[in-house]
């Protein structure tokens, strides 16, 4: 049977560590690299409920996109039973469940987060948005009204809602950035895009977005589709393994209330 390290190496073959941002924390973050693996749970995030699901299913490994440990988000000074991240880490160790996370390297990789997102939205002739391979740019088969495209985004990504600013343009040349990529809006404008689909857009990003349709389709919704690609890749590389897509983490924790 393959080991945790074997699976990590195979994932690096797809999404090399060198593609990760210098602040990022990727690869094997929790667990024993020498442990043999029979069953893998694939999820976007390593949460308490995903850890519980992995343990209940008898999975030795969770493969996720977002790092379970990342000092860029959470400065960890202790691992204690505090109901927060420390509790999650202790649970993984107690249950002997390893975690391998492929984050910004999977964003940049061919066939990774942003290519999957572009494909979901029906873009053709896709190429990287930035020199660092963040985001993608592509063209729709035909021009669409913004209202039609917004409906397509909701249907394609399973959005419960979305936020947007109407740039007053029909949709044809589209930039996408899975997760929080609003900072790359100037790149999309420089490449002549009429529309940018990303997530976690701030008020001032919307305010400053002139001449482009800016769409916030949700962090989970723009990145979760890569989990199917992760599962398919690992199934091809390790046909003897049981690969399970998480059923406990299938939608965003963010809800929408509209009066």
C-alpha atoms as a PDB file:
ATOM      1  CA  UNK A   1       0.000   0.000   0.000  1.00  0.00           C
ATOM      2  CA  UNK A   2       1.213   3.577  -0.636  1.00  0.00           C
ATOM      3  CA  UNK A   3       2.323   5.691   2.294  1.00  0.00           C
ATOM      4  CA  UNK A   4       1.296   9.228   3.193  1.00  0.00           C
ATOM      5  CA  UNK A   5       4.619  10.446   1.768  1.00  0.00           C
ATOM      6  CA  UNK A   6       3.983   8.580  -1.501  1.00  0.00           C
ATOM      7  CA  UNK A   7       0.703  10.440  -1.878  1.00  0.00           C
ATOM      8  CA  UNK A   8       2.303  13.765  -0.980  1.00  0.00           C
ATOM      9  CA  UNK A   9       4.991  13.189  -3.643  1.00  0.00           C
ATOM     10  CA  UNK A  10       2.362  12.343  -6.256  1.00  0.00           C
ATOM     11  CA  UNK A  11       0.485  15.546  -5.448  1.00  0.00           C
ATOM     12  CA  UNK A  12       3.708  17.534  -5.763  1.00  0.00           C
ATOM     13  CA  UNK A  13       4.178  16.001  -9.220  1.00  0.00           C
ATOM     14  CA  UNK A  14       0.941  17.760 -10.158  1.00  0.00           C
ATOM     15  CA  UNK A  15       1.334  20.919  -8.074  1.00  0.00           C
ATOM     16  CA  UNK A  16       5.047  21.419  -7.282  1.00  0.00           C
ATOM     17  CA  UNK A  17       5.968  23.062  -3.997  1.00  0.00           C
ATOM     18  CA  UNK A  18       7.873  25.707  -5.991  1.00  0.00           C
ATOM     19  CA  UNK A  19       4.532  27.069  -7.262  1.00  0.00           C
ATOM     20  CA  UNK A  20       3.357  27.887  -3.715  1.00  0.00           C
ATOM     21  CA  UNK A  21       3.541  31.452  -2.404  1.00  0.00           C
ATOM     22  CA  UNK A  22       6.499  32.057  -0.099  1.00  0.00           C
ATOM     23  CA  UNK A  23       4.162  32.606   2.887  1.00  0.00           C
ATOM     24  CA  UNK A  24       2.191  29.430   2.266  1.00  0.00           C
ATOM     25  CA  UNK A  25       2.322  26.141   4.179  1.00  0.00           C
ATOM     26  CA  UNK A  26       1.745  23.131   1.953  1.00  0.00           C
ATOM     27  CA  UNK A  27       2.367  19.397   1.918  1.00  0.00           C
ATOM     28  CA  UNK A  28       2.189  16.998   4.863  1.00  0.00           C
ATOM     29  CA  UNK A  29       1.179  19.185   7.820  1.00  0.00           C
ATOM     30  CA  UNK A  30      -0.100  16.594  10.321  1.00  0.00           C
ATOM     31  CA  UNK A  31       0.661  12.914  10.755  1.00  0.00           C
ATOM     32  CA  UNK A  32       3.151  10.137  10.050  1.00  0.00           C
ATOM     33  CA  UNK A  33       4.554  10.181   6.528  1.00  0.00           C
ATOM     34  CA  UNK A  34       5.469   6.493   6.764  1.00  0.00           C
ATOM     35  CA  UNK A  35       1.932   5.331   7.539  1.00  0.00           C
ATOM     36  CA  UNK A  36       0.319   3.137   4.898  1.00  0.00           C
ATOM     37  CA  UNK A  37      -2.910   4.455   3.413  1.00  0.00           C
ATOM     38  CA  UNK A  38      -5.960   2.508   2.311  1.00  0.00           C
ATOM     39  CA  UNK A  39      -8.603   5.233   2.402  1.00  0.00           C
ATOM     40  CA  UNK A  40      -8.429   9.001   1.690  1.00  0.00           C
ATOM     41  CA  UNK A  41     -11.028  11.659   2.439  1.00  0.00           C
ATOM     42  CA  UNK A  42     -10.909  14.635   0.063  1.00  0.00           C
ATOM     43  CA  UNK A  43     -12.274  18.001   1.245  1.00  0.00           C
ATOM     44  CA  UNK A  44     -11.712  21.696   0.654  1.00  0.00           C
ATOM     45  CA  UNK A  45     -10.941  22.365   4.334  1.00  0.00           C
ATOM     46  CA  UNK A  46      -9.763  20.350   7.324  1.00  0.00           C
ATOM     47  CA  UNK A  47     -12.454  21.208   9.859  1.00  0.00           C
ATOM     48  CA  UNK A  48     -13.631  19.523  13.047  1.00  0.00           C
ATOM     49  CA  UNK A  49     -16.475  17.840  11.210  1.00  0.00           C
ATOM     50  CA  UNK A  50     -14.191  16.719   8.366  1.00  0.00           C
ATOM     51  CA  UNK A  51     -11.805  15.234  10.940  1.00  0.00           C
ATOM     52  CA  UNK A  52     -14.742  13.430  12.576  1.00  0.00           C
ATOM     53  CA  UNK A  53     -15.858  12.135   9.187  1.00  0.00           C
ATOM     54  CA  UNK A  54     -12.351  10.876   8.372  1.00  0.00           C
ATOM     55  CA  UNK A  55     -12.160   9.021  11.686  1.00  0.00           C
ATOM     56  CA  UNK A  56     -15.651   7.547  11.264  1.00  0.00           C
ATOM     57  CA  UNK A  57     -14.844   6.345   7.749  1.00  0.00           C
ATOM     58  CA  UNK A  58     -11.514   4.857   8.806  1.00  0.00           C
ATOM     59  CA  UNK A  59      -9.534   7.182   6.545  1.00  0.00           C
ATOM     60  CA  UNK A  60      -5.836   7.399   7.324  1.00  0.00           C
ATOM     61  CA  UNK A  61      -5.422  10.640   5.369  1.00  0.00           C
ATOM     62  CA  UNK A  62      -7.278  13.838   4.538  1.00  0.00           C
ATOM     63  CA  UNK A  63      -6.235  15.585   1.320  1.00  0.00           C
ATOM     64  CA  UNK A  64      -7.409  19.200   1.341  1.00  0.00           C
ATOM     65  CA  UNK A  65      -6.844  22.510  -0.394  1.00  0.00           C
ATOM     66  CA  UNK A  66      -6.674  24.923   2.535  1.00  0.00           C
ATOM     67  CA  UNK A  67      -3.795  24.347   4.983  1.00  0.00           C
ATOM     68  CA  UNK A  68      -4.785  23.108   8.426  1.00  0.00           C
ATOM     69  CA  UNK A  69      -1.756  25.033   9.746  1.00  0.00           C
ATOM     70  CA  UNK A  70      -0.820  28.387   8.277  1.00  0.00           C
ATOM     71  CA  UNK A  71       0.908  31.170  10.190  1.00  0.00           C
ATOM     72  CA  UNK A  72      -0.285  33.618   7.539  1.00  0.00           C
ATOM     73  CA  UNK A  73      -3.795  33.209   8.988  1.00  0.00           C
ATOM     74  CA  UNK A  74      -3.315  31.892  12.526  1.00  0.00           C
ATOM     75  CA  UNK A  75      -0.178  32.374  14.590  1.00  0.00           C
ATOM     76  CA  UNK A  76      -0.020  29.127  16.544  1.00  0.00           C
ATOM     77  CA  UNK A  77       1.849  29.363  19.842  1.00  0.00           C
ATOM     78  CA  UNK A  78       0.331  26.308  21.503  1.00  0.00           C
ATOM     79  CA  UNK A  79      -1.682  23.172  20.751  1.00  0.00           C
ATOM     80  CA  UNK A  80      -4.202  22.893  23.581  1.00  0.00           C
ATOM     81  CA  UNK A  81      -7.775  21.644  24.020  1.00  0.00           C
ATOM     82  CA  UNK A  82      -9.293  25.094  23.674  1.00  0.00           C
ATOM     83  CA  UNK A  83     -12.149  24.491  21.269  1.00  0.00           C
ATOM     84  CA  UNK A  84     -10.209  26.174  18.454  1.00  0.00           C
ATOM     85  CA  UNK A  85      -7.483  25.076  16.074  1.00  0.00           C
ATOM     86  CA  UNK A  86      -5.600  23.371  18.892  1.00  0.00           C
ATOM     87  CA  UNK A  87      -8.550  21.056  19.491  1.00  0.00           C
ATOM     88  CA  UNK A  88      -8.682  20.172  15.792  1.00  0.00           C
ATOM     89  CA  UNK A  89      -4.982  19.329  15.700  1.00  0.00           C
ATOM     90  CA  UNK A  90      -5.249  17.216  18.847  1.00  0.00           C
ATOM     91  CA  UNK A  91      -8.203  15.353  17.318  1.00  0.00           C
ATOM     92  CA  UNK A  92      -6.242  14.540  14.161  1.00  0.00           C
ATOM     93  CA  UNK A  93      -3.316  13.247  16.206  1.00  0.00           C
ATOM     94  CA  UNK A  94      -5.538  11.240  18.570  1.00  0.00           C
ATOM     95  CA  UNK A  95      -7.340   9.613  15.642  1.00  0.00           C
ATOM     96  CA  UNK A  96      -4.058   9.081  13.747  1.00  0.00           C
ATOM     97  CA  UNK A  97      -5.387  10.922  10.685  1.00  0.00           C
ATOM     98  CA  UNK A  98      -2.773  12.668   8.554  1.00  0.00           C
ATOM     99  CA  UNK A  99      -3.412  15.853   6.563  1.00  0.00           C
ATOM    100  CA  UNK A 100      -1.793  16.784   3.249  1.00  0.00           C
ATOM    101  CA  UNK A 101      -2.745  20.226   1.924  1.00  0.00           C
ATOM    102  CA  UNK A 102      -2.113  21.650  -1.537  1.00  0.00           C
ATOM    103  CA  UNK A 103      -2.924  25.355  -1.508  1.00  0.00           C
ATOM    104  CA  UNK A 104      -1.445  28.127  -3.673  1.00  0.00           C
ATOM    105  CA  UNK A 105       0.592  25.546  -5.579  1.00  0.00           C
ATOM    106  CA  UNK A 106      -2.696  23.900  -6.608  1.00  0.00           C
ATOM    107  CA  UNK A 107      -4.103  27.332  -7.490  1.00  0.00           C
ATOM    108  CA  UNK A 108      -1.248  27.812  -9.949  1.00  0.00           C
ATOM    109  CA  UNK A 109      -0.916  24.257 -11.280  1.00  0.00           C
ATOM    110  CA  UNK A 110      -2.225  23.201 -14.679  1.00  0.00           C
ATOM    111  CA  UNK A 111      -5.587  21.563 -14.129  1.00  0.00           C
ATOM    112  CA  UNK A 112      -5.769  23.008 -10.619  1.00  0.00           C
ATOM    113  CA  UNK A 113      -8.192  25.337  -8.861  1.00  0.00           C
ATOM    114  CA  UNK A 114      -8.322  28.069 -11.481  1.00  0.00           C
ATOM    115  CA  UNK A 115      -8.389  25.836 -14.540  1.00  0.00           C
ATOM    116  CA  UNK A 116     -11.253  23.858 -13.009  1.00  0.00           C
ATOM    117  CA  UNK A 117     -13.098  27.108 -12.229  1.00  0.00           C
ATOM    118  CA  UNK A 118     -12.599  28.396 -15.776  1.00  0.00           C
ATOM    119  CA  UNK A 119     -13.863  25.108 -17.174  1.00  0.00           C
ATOM    120  CA  UNK A 120     -16.947  25.170 -14.934  1.00  0.00           C
ATOM    121  CA  UNK A 121     -17.803  28.621 -16.282  1.00  0.00           C
ATOM    122  CA  UNK A 122     -17.408  27.532 -19.898  1.00  0.00           C
ATOM    123  CA  UNK A 123     -14.282  29.501 -20.771  1.00  0.00           C
ATOM    124  CA  UNK A 124     -12.154  28.602 -23.780  1.00  0.00           C
ATOM    125  CA  UNK A 125      -8.591  29.509 -24.794  1.00  0.00           C
ATOM    126  CA  UNK A 126      -7.629  29.757 -21.135  1.00  0.00           C
ATOM    127  CA  UNK A 127      -4.293  31.233 -20.002  1.00  0.00           C
ATOM    128  CA  UNK A 128      -2.858  32.513 -16.678  1.00  0.00           C
ATOM    129  CA  UNK A 129      -3.987  35.892 -15.387  1.00  0.00           C
ATOM    130  CA  UNK A 130      -0.604  36.732 -13.796  1.00  0.00           C
ATOM    131  CA  UNK A 131       3.044  35.805 -14.304  1.00  0.00           C
ATOM    132  CA  UNK A 132       2.814  33.806 -11.064  1.00  0.00           C
ATOM    133  CA  UNK A 133       0.003  31.783 -12.671  1.00  0.00           C
ATOM    134  CA  UNK A 134      -2.618  33.159 -10.311  1.00  0.00           C
ATOM    135  CA  UNK A 135      -6.074  33.168 -11.906  1.00  0.00           C
ATOM    136  CA  UNK A 136      -7.048  32.426 -15.475  1.00  0.00           C
ATOM    137  CA  UNK A 137      -8.457  34.339 -18.446  1.00  0.00           C
ATOM    138  CA  UNK A 138     -10.671  32.855 -21.126  1.00  0.00           C
ATOM    139  CA  UNK A 139     -13.469  33.586 -23.567  1.00  0.00           C
ATOM    140  CA  UNK A 140     -17.077  32.420 -23.694  1.00  0.00           C
ATOM    141  CA  UNK A 141     -18.302  30.742 -26.855  1.00  0.00           C
ATOM    142  CA  UNK A 142     -20.725  33.606 -27.299  1.00  0.00           C
ATOM    143  CA  UNK A 143     -21.317  36.984 -25.733  1.00  0.00           C
ATOM    144  CA  UNK A 144     -23.863  37.017 -22.897  1.00  0.00           C
ATOM    145  CA  UNK A 145     -25.694  39.653 -20.984  1.00  0.00           C
ATOM    146  CA  UNK A 146     -24.506  40.126 -17.409  1.00  0.00           C
ATOM    147  CA  UNK A 147     -27.818  38.825 -16.082  1.00  0.00           C
ATOM    148  CA  UNK A 148     -27.498  35.615 -18.106  1.00  0.00           C
ATOM    149  CA  UNK A 149     -23.909  35.119 -17.007  1.00  0.00           C
ATOM    150  CA  UNK A 150     -24.774  35.706 -13.345  1.00  0.00           C
ATOM    151  CA  UNK A 151     -27.401  32.974 -13.631  1.00  0.00           C
ATOM    152  CA  UNK A 152     -24.805  30.665 -15.209  1.00  0.00           C
ATOM    153  CA  UNK A 153     -22.353  31.313 -12.357  1.00  0.00           C
ATOM    154  CA  UNK A 154     -24.997  30.483  -9.745  1.00  0.00           C
ATOM    155  CA  UNK A 155     -25.952  27.271 -11.547  1.00  0.00           C
ATOM    156  CA  UNK A 156     -22.404  26.167 -12.384  1.00  0.00           C
ATOM    157  CA  UNK A 157     -20.960  26.724  -8.908  1.00  0.00           C
ATOM    158  CA  UNK A 158     -24.021  26.043  -6.759  1.00  0.00           C
ATOM    159  CA  UNK A 159     -24.013  29.528  -5.281  1.00  0.00           C
ATOM    160  CA  UNK A 160     -26.767  30.384  -2.800  1.00  0.00           C
ATOM    161  CA  UNK A 161     -26.254  33.984  -3.767  1.00  0.00           C
ATOM    162  CA  UNK A 162     -23.556  36.281  -5.034  1.00  0.00           C
ATOM    163  CA  UNK A 163     -22.449  39.888  -4.889  1.00  0.00           C
ATOM    164  CA  UNK A 164     -21.578  41.878  -7.969  1.00  0.00           C
ATOM    165  CA  UNK A 165     -21.064  45.278  -9.513  1.00  0.00           C
ATOM    166  CA  UNK A 166     -22.470  45.907 -12.955  1.00  0.00           C
ATOM    167  CA  UNK A 167     -19.722  47.371 -15.102  1.00  0.00           C
ATOM    168  CA  UNK A 168     -22.147  48.144 -17.890  1.00  0.00           C
ATOM    169  CA  UNK A 169     -20.638  45.652 -20.313  1.00  0.00           C
ATOM    170  CA  UNK A 170     -21.781  42.389 -21.884  1.00  0.00           C
ATOM    171  CA  UNK A 171     -19.776  39.309 -20.904  1.00  0.00           C
ATOM    172  CA  UNK A 172     -17.309  37.628 -23.282  1.00  0.00           C
ATOM    173  CA  UNK A 173     -13.705  37.831 -22.031  1.00  0.00           C
ATOM    174  CA  UNK A 174     -13.642  36.667 -18.417  1.00  0.00           C
ATOM    175  CA  UNK A 175     -10.960  36.497 -15.732  1.00  0.00           C
ATOM    176  CA  UNK A 176     -11.369  34.106 -12.803  1.00  0.00           C
ATOM    177  CA  UNK A 177      -9.543  33.811  -9.494  1.00  0.00           C
ATOM    178  CA  UNK A 178     -10.579  31.069  -7.109  1.00  0.00           C
ATOM    179  CA  UNK A 179     -10.740  32.345  -3.545  1.00  0.00           C
ATOM    180  CA  UNK A 180      -9.629  35.846  -2.574  1.00  0.00           C
ATOM    181  CA  UNK A 181      -8.129  37.340  -5.741  1.00  0.00           C
ATOM    182  CA  UNK A 182      -9.675  40.819  -5.994  1.00  0.00           C
ATOM    183  CA  UNK A 183      -6.190  42.345  -5.787  1.00  0.00           C
ATOM    184  CA  UNK A 184      -5.604  41.074  -9.328  1.00  0.00           C
ATOM    185  CA  UNK A 185      -8.426  43.138 -10.810  1.00  0.00           C
ATOM    186  CA  UNK A 186      -5.900  45.549 -12.436  1.00  0.00           C
ATOM    187  CA  UNK A 187      -4.367  42.543 -14.253  1.00  0.00           C
ATOM    188  CA  UNK A 188      -7.784  41.577 -15.603  1.00  0.00           C
ATOM    189  CA  UNK A 189      -8.397  45.132 -16.780  1.00  0.00           C
ATOM    190  CA  UNK A 190      -4.969  45.327 -18.427  1.00  0.00           C
ATOM    191  CA  UNK A 191      -5.781  42.172 -20.406  1.00  0.00           C
ATOM    192  CA  UNK A 192      -9.034  43.647 -21.657  1.00  0.00           C
ATOM    193  CA  UNK A 193     -11.409  41.512 -19.595  1.00  0.00           C
ATOM    194  CA  UNK A 194     -14.972  42.728 -19.293  1.00  0.00           C
ATOM    195  CA  UNK A 195     -15.726  40.495 -16.281  1.00  0.00           C
ATOM    196  CA  UNK A 196     -13.862  39.174 -13.237  1.00  0.00           C
ATOM    197  CA  UNK A 197     -15.155  36.307 -11.086  1.00  0.00           C
ATOM    198  CA  UNK A 198     -13.508  35.828  -7.700  1.00  0.00           C
ATOM    199  CA  UNK A 199     -14.400  35.872  -3.978  1.00  0.00           C
ATOM    200  CA  UNK A 200     -14.008  37.764  -0.700  1.00  0.00           C
ATOM    201  CA  UNK A 201     -14.302  41.106  -2.498  1.00  0.00           C
ATOM    202  CA  UNK A 202     -14.095  44.144  -0.197  1.00  0.00           C
ATOM    203  CA  UNK A 203     -16.346  47.189  -0.400  1.00  0.00           C
ATOM    204  CA  UNK A 204     -13.595  49.406  -1.791  1.00  0.00           C
ATOM    205  CA  UNK A 205     -12.769  46.815  -4.462  1.00  0.00           C
ATOM    206  CA  UNK A 206     -16.344  47.094  -5.691  1.00  0.00           C
ATOM    207  CA  UNK A 207     -16.183  50.866  -5.386  1.00  0.00           C
ATOM    208  CA  UNK A 208     -13.014  51.076  -7.468  1.00  0.00           C
ATOM    209  CA  UNK A 209     -14.132  48.571 -10.118  1.00  0.00           C
ATOM    210  CA  UNK A 210     -14.969  50.813 -13.037  1.00  0.00           C
ATOM    211  CA  UNK A 211     -15.624  49.480 -16.515  1.00  0.00           C
ATOM    212  CA  UNK A 212     -15.662  45.815 -15.467  1.00  0.00           C
ATOM    213  CA  UNK A 213     -18.305  43.448 -14.135  1.00  0.00           C
ATOM    214  CA  UNK A 214     -16.948  42.346 -10.748  1.00  0.00           C
ATOM    215  CA  UNK A 215     -18.534  39.191  -9.309  1.00  0.00           C
ATOM    216  CA  UNK A 216     -17.998  37.726  -5.846  1.00  0.00           C
ATOM    217  CA  UNK A 217     -19.210  34.135  -6.183  1.00  0.00           C
ATOM    218  CA  UNK A 218     -17.954  32.937  -2.791  1.00  0.00           C
ATOM    219  CA  UNK A 219     -14.680  31.482  -1.538  1.00  0.00           C
ATOM    220  CA  UNK A 220     -16.012  27.957  -1.058  1.00  0.00           C
ATOM    221  CA  UNK A 221     -17.950  27.980  -4.317  1.00  0.00           C
ATOM    222  CA  UNK A 222     -15.022  29.106  -6.485  1.00  0.00           C
ATOM    223  CA  UNK A 223     -12.570  26.596  -5.004  1.00  0.00           C
ATOM    224  CA  UNK A 224     -14.539  23.508  -3.987  1.00  0.00           C
ATOM    225  CA  UNK A 225     -14.830  22.160  -7.581  1.00  0.00           C
ATOM    226  CA  UNK A 226     -11.121  21.286  -7.446  1.00  0.00           C
ATOM    227  CA  UNK A 227     -11.933  18.519  -4.939  1.00  0.00           C
ATOM    228  CA  UNK A 228     -13.400  16.419  -7.760  1.00  0.00           C
ATOM    229  CA  UNK A 229     -10.196  16.953  -9.728  1.00  0.00           C
ATOM    230  CA  UNK A 230      -8.114  15.943  -6.686  1.00  0.00           C
ATOM    231  CA  UNK A 231     -10.121  12.780  -6.254  1.00  0.00           C
ATOM    232  CA  UNK A 232      -9.847  11.877  -9.945  1.00  0.00           C
ATOM    233  CA  UNK A 233      -6.094  12.507  -9.990  1.00  0.00           C
ATOM    234  CA  UNK A 234      -5.450  10.331  -6.930  1.00  0.00           C
ATOM    235  CA  UNK A 235      -7.752   7.582  -8.259  1.00  0.00           C
ATOM    236  CA  UNK A 236      -5.658   7.458 -11.435  1.00  0.00           C
ATOM    237  CA  UNK A 237      -2.343   7.403  -9.547  1.00  0.00           C
ATOM    238  CA  UNK A 238      -3.443   4.981  -6.812  1.00  0.00           C
ATOM    239  CA  UNK A 239      -6.226   2.741  -8.190  1.00  0.00           C
ATOM    240  CA  UNK A 240      -6.052   0.435  -5.153  1.00  0.00           C
ATOM    241  CA  UNK A 241      -7.066   3.206  -2.751  1.00  0.00           C
ATOM    242  CA  UNK A 242     -10.588   4.040  -1.635  1.00  0.00           C
ATOM    243  CA  UNK A 243     -11.103   7.734  -2.329  1.00  0.00           C
ATOM    244  CA  UNK A 244     -14.061   9.413  -0.676  1.00  0.00           C
ATOM    245  CA  UNK A 245     -15.360  12.934  -1.290  1.00  0.00           C
ATOM    246  CA  UNK A 246     -16.408  14.565   1.976  1.00  0.00           C
ATOM    247  CA  UNK A 247     -20.142  14.534   2.613  1.00  0.00           C
ATOM    248  CA  UNK A 248     -19.878  16.683   5.744  1.00  0.00           C
ATOM    249  CA  UNK A 249     -18.348  19.675   3.954  1.00  0.00           C
ATOM    250  CA  UNK A 250     -20.356  20.203   0.792  1.00  0.00           C
ATOM    251  CA  UNK A 251     -21.367  23.834   1.045  1.00  0.00           C
ATOM    252  CA  UNK A 252     -20.166  27.158   2.350  1.00  0.00           C
ATOM    253  CA  UNK A 253     -20.678  27.977   6.012  1.00  0.00           C
ATOM    254  CA  UNK A 254     -21.740  31.462   4.871  1.00  0.00           C
ATOM    255  CA  UNK A 255     -25.496  31.922   4.664  1.00  0.00           C
ATOM    256  CA  UNK A 256     -27.511  34.697   3.029  1.00  0.00           C
ATOM    257  CA  UNK A 257     -30.504  36.465   4.550  1.00  0.00           C
ATOM    258  CA  UNK A 258     -32.637  38.668   2.355  1.00  0.00           C
ATOM    259  CA  UNK A 259     -35.689  40.382   3.798  1.00  0.00           C
END
